[in-house]
Every structure is written in structure tokens, then in C-alpha cells.
Amino acid sequence: MNFPTYGIVSLGGVTVGLSLLAWEVTRWWPGLKSAGKPKQLLKLAPFLIVWLYGMLLVLSAGGLLGAGADWSLWGSSAIGDAALAYGVGGGTPTVTRASHLVLSDGGHAVVIIATVALIALWTKRRGINWMVVRALLSGISLGLASGVAGAAGYVLSPVVSTAGDYVAGLL
């Protein structure tokens, strides 16, 4: 089953992704003296894990999860483009990286396993965990970006693909 993919991120999408990241870091920030302490850094770990998962989702080439990530990427780009154009009169160029990374079959297996773990985390407590939503949208928005904003996605894809292939016995 093939679903259409979008796979293009604009400056507006990157703006939304970085804004959500800035929101979370600002809410977490314990002060200059405490920021580097392991106890404080552990409080940021759940956001970063879901953020990386969002990047993996947008690197998934197809299927329902990939289509959902593409739809979310399109939405964040459209919202960011509107904010840039109408909010400050800025431009909204495309900032998708030139080399498009796609996960291997083992990497896709890791995405499914991570999805199950995320659903378990999300349903652990009643109500919507908005940190998960912010992290997921931020990761999706930044996963295909060129430059520093998308560096984690560029590094994450081969690492997850290799690990998934190794664990699944594909190597």
C-alpha cells in the first residue's frame, strides 16, 4: 500500500520545529548553574527521545506512519509559512536537504518498536501529554531540514538503520 509523500520542509516548518524545541527548553531551563547537572538533564530526556522518534517518522518512506509524518510536516510548514509571511513579512524558501535519507528495513522495524513504546508512554496516564505532541511535531519538522537544524536526522538515519538491521539479523 503506497501513500503519497510530501517530503519537503520550508523555512516555516523549521521555524515551527525550532519554536517547539525552544518552548520545551525554556520551560525546562533550571538556571545556568543547574543546567549541566545530570539530574536536570534527565528531565529533558523524554522530550529528546520523542523528538528523535519524530525525526525517524519523517524519514520513513511510506506507510501509515510515514504518511502521518508527511501530513504533519506539510501542516507545520503551512503554519510556519503563514506566520513568517503574515506575521513578520518574511520569505519562506524550501530548506530540505539535498540528500534524502531513507531508513532500511531494519530501521523501519525500529520505528514500529518505538511507536509501540511511545503509545505505551502516551497512554500510561490519562489525558494528552502535550510534551509528547510538541516533541513529535518538532522532530518531524526538523528531520528533513538542511543545515544544523536537521543534523540530528542526518546522523540518526544510518545509526538506526544499522542497529535495526543488526538486531533483526539482516546484516
Protein backbone atom coordinates (compact mmCIF):
# COMPACT_ATOMS: atom_id res chain seq x y z
CA MET A 1 0.00 0.00 0.00
CA ASN A 2 1.60 3.25 -1.11
CA PHE A 3 0.57 6.58 0.30
CA PRO A 4 1.65 9.84 -1.30
CA THR A 5 4.59 11.52 0.39
CA TYR A 6 5.31 15.20 0.73
CA GLY A 7 8.91 15.21 1.98
CA ILE A 8 9.59 18.95 1.63
CA VAL A 9 10.20 21.29 4.53
CA SER A 10 10.07 25.06 4.24
CA LEU A 11 11.63 27.69 6.44
CA GLY A 12 8.22 27.94 8.08
CA GLY A 13 8.32 24.26 9.06
CA VAL A 14 11.80 24.65 10.52
CA THR A 15 10.60 27.74 12.37
CA VAL A 16 7.75 25.74 13.91
CA GLY A 17 10.09 22.87 14.82
CA LEU A 18 12.65 25.16 16.42
CA SER A 19 9.89 27.12 18.19
CA LEU A 20 8.53 23.95 19.78
CA LEU A 21 12.08 22.97 20.79
CA ALA A 22 12.63 26.46 22.25
CA TRP A 23 9.33 26.21 24.17
CA GLU A 24 10.38 22.96 25.81
CA VAL A 25 13.94 24.05 26.61
CA THR A 26 12.68 27.34 28.04
CA ARG A 27 10.13 25.58 30.26
CA TRP A 28 12.81 23.12 31.40
CA TRP A 29 15.64 25.65 31.95
CA PRO A 30 16.68 25.38 35.64
CA GLY A 31 19.24 28.19 35.54
CA LEU A 32 22.83 28.45 34.44
CA LYS A 33 24.34 26.74 37.50
CA SER A 34 21.99 23.72 37.39
CA ALA A 35 21.58 23.20 33.63
CA GLY A 36 24.54 20.85 33.24
CA LYS A 37 23.75 18.64 36.21
CA PRO A 38 22.70 15.07 35.33
CA LYS A 39 19.55 15.31 37.46
CA GLN A 40 18.37 18.32 35.46
CA LEU A 41 19.40 16.86 32.09
CA LEU A 42 17.37 13.71 32.80
CA LYS A 43 14.24 15.87 32.98
CA LEU A 44 14.81 16.82 29.33
CA ALA A 45 15.46 13.23 28.18
CA PRO A 46 11.81 12.23 27.48
CA PHE A 47 11.39 15.20 25.15
CA LEU A 48 14.61 14.42 23.31
CA ILE A 49 13.70 10.75 22.86
CA VAL A 50 10.30 11.60 21.35
CA TRP A 51 11.95 14.38 19.29
CA LEU A 52 14.33 11.85 17.76
CA TYR A 53 11.40 9.50 17.15
CA GLY A 54 9.64 12.28 15.22
CA MET A 55 12.72 12.58 13.03
CA LEU A 56 12.62 8.83 12.41
CA LEU A 57 8.96 9.05 11.42
CA VAL A 58 9.58 11.65 8.75
CA LEU A 59 12.47 9.54 7.42
CA SER A 60 10.07 6.60 6.98
CA ALA A 61 9.44 6.42 3.26
CA GLY A 62 5.80 5.39 3.34
CA GLY A 63 3.01 3.53 5.05
CA LEU A 64 0.54 4.98 7.51
CA LEU A 65 3.17 6.32 9.90
CA GLY A 66 5.19 7.92 7.10
CA ALA A 67 2.03 9.44 5.61
CA GLY A 68 1.05 10.83 9.02
CA ALA A 69 4.50 12.35 9.43
CA ASP A 70 4.35 13.83 5.93
CA TRP A 71 0.93 15.32 6.66
CA SER A 72 2.27 16.78 9.92
CA LEU A 73 5.30 18.18 8.08
CA TRP A 74 3.03 19.80 5.50
CA GLY A 75 0.89 21.30 8.28
CA SER A 76 3.82 22.67 10.27
CA SER A 77 5.31 24.15 7.09
CA ALA A 78 1.99 25.79 6.19
CA ILE A 79 1.53 27.24 9.69
CA GLY A 80 5.13 28.46 9.83
CA ASP A 81 4.93 29.91 6.32
CA ALA A 82 1.80 31.85 7.30
CA ALA A 83 3.47 33.12 10.48
CA LEU A 84 6.55 34.24 8.56
CA ALA A 85 4.68 35.81 5.65
CA TYR A 86 1.84 37.50 7.54
CA GLY A 87 3.40 37.88 10.98
CA VAL A 88 6.70 39.49 10.06
CA GLY A 89 6.62 39.83 6.26
CA GLY A 90 9.37 37.26 5.71
CA GLY A 91 10.02 34.78 2.94
CA THR A 92 9.51 31.03 3.11
CA PRO A 93 12.07 29.20 0.97
CA THR A 94 12.39 25.44 0.88
CA VAL A 95 15.18 24.21 3.17
CA THR A 96 15.01 20.45 2.58
CA ARG A 97 18.44 18.83 2.48
CA ALA A 98 19.69 17.72 -0.92
CA SER A 99 20.42 14.11 0.06
CA HIS A 100 17.21 12.46 1.20
CA LEU A 101 17.87 9.65 3.68
CA VAL A 102 15.52 6.70 3.91
CA LEU A 103 15.55 4.04 6.60
CA SER A 104 16.41 0.44 5.81
CA ASP A 105 14.03 -2.44 6.58
CA GLY A 106 15.69 -2.88 9.97
CA GLY A 107 15.35 0.84 10.60
CA HIS A 108 11.64 0.61 9.82
CA ALA A 109 11.39 -2.23 12.36
CA VAL A 110 12.93 0.10 14.95
CA VAL A 111 10.31 2.74 14.09
CA ILE A 112 7.49 0.23 14.72
CA ILE A 113 9.04 -0.84 18.04
CA ALA A 114 9.49 2.80 19.04
CA THR A 115 5.87 3.50 18.05
CA VAL A 116 4.63 0.76 20.37
CA ALA A 117 6.78 2.16 23.20
CA LEU A 118 5.51 5.70 22.54
CA ILE A 119 1.88 4.57 22.59
CA ALA A 120 2.56 2.82 25.91
CA LEU A 121 4.09 6.05 27.27
CA TRP A 122 1.30 8.20 25.90
CA THR A 123 -1.47 6.06 27.38
CA LYS A 124 0.26 5.50 30.71
CA ARG A 125 -1.54 8.47 32.22
CA ARG A 126 -4.96 9.84 31.45
CA GLY A 127 -5.23 12.76 29.10
CA ILE A 128 -2.96 14.05 26.38
CA ASN A 129 0.69 14.51 27.23
CA TRP A 130 1.38 17.76 25.36
CA MET A 131 5.13 17.36 25.77
CA VAL A 132 4.88 14.28 23.55
CA VAL A 133 2.91 16.22 20.94
CA ARG A 134 5.40 19.13 20.97
CA ALA A 135 8.40 16.80 20.74
CA LEU A 136 6.86 14.73 17.95
CA LEU A 137 5.95 17.76 15.80
CA SER A 138 9.32 19.39 16.42
CA GLY A 139 11.18 16.23 15.37
CA ILE A 140 9.02 15.79 12.27
CA SER A 141 9.52 19.43 11.31
CA LEU A 142 13.30 19.27 11.66
CA GLY A 143 14.05 15.75 10.40
CA LEU A 144 14.48 16.69 6.73
CA ALA A 145 15.95 20.17 7.21
CA SER A 146 19.36 21.02 5.85
CA GLY A 147 21.97 22.69 7.99
CA VAL A 148 22.31 22.49 11.75
CA ALA A 149 18.52 22.20 12.31
CA GLY A 150 18.42 18.81 10.57
CA ALA A 151 21.82 17.46 11.63
CA ALA A 152 20.33 15.02 14.14
CA GLY A 153 18.14 13.46 11.44
CA TYR A 154 21.11 13.10 9.13
CA VAL A 155 23.10 11.26 11.80
CA LEU A 156 20.14 9.32 13.18
CA SER A 157 19.07 7.55 9.99
CA PRO A 158 22.18 5.44 9.33
CA VAL A 159 22.64 4.66 13.03
CA VAL A 160 19.06 3.40 13.45
CA SER A 161 19.10 1.54 10.13
CA THR A 162 22.34 -0.25 11.00
CA ALA A 163 21.19 -1.07 14.53
CA GLY A 164 17.83 -2.35 13.28
CA ASP A 165 19.45 -4.44 10.56
CA TYR A 166 21.91 -5.89 13.05
CA VAL A 167 19.30 -6.77 15.68
CA ALA A 168 16.90 -8.23 13.12
CA GLY A 169 19.66 -10.34 11.58
CA LEU A 170 19.66 -8.56 8.22
CA LEU A 171 23.42 -7.87 8.33
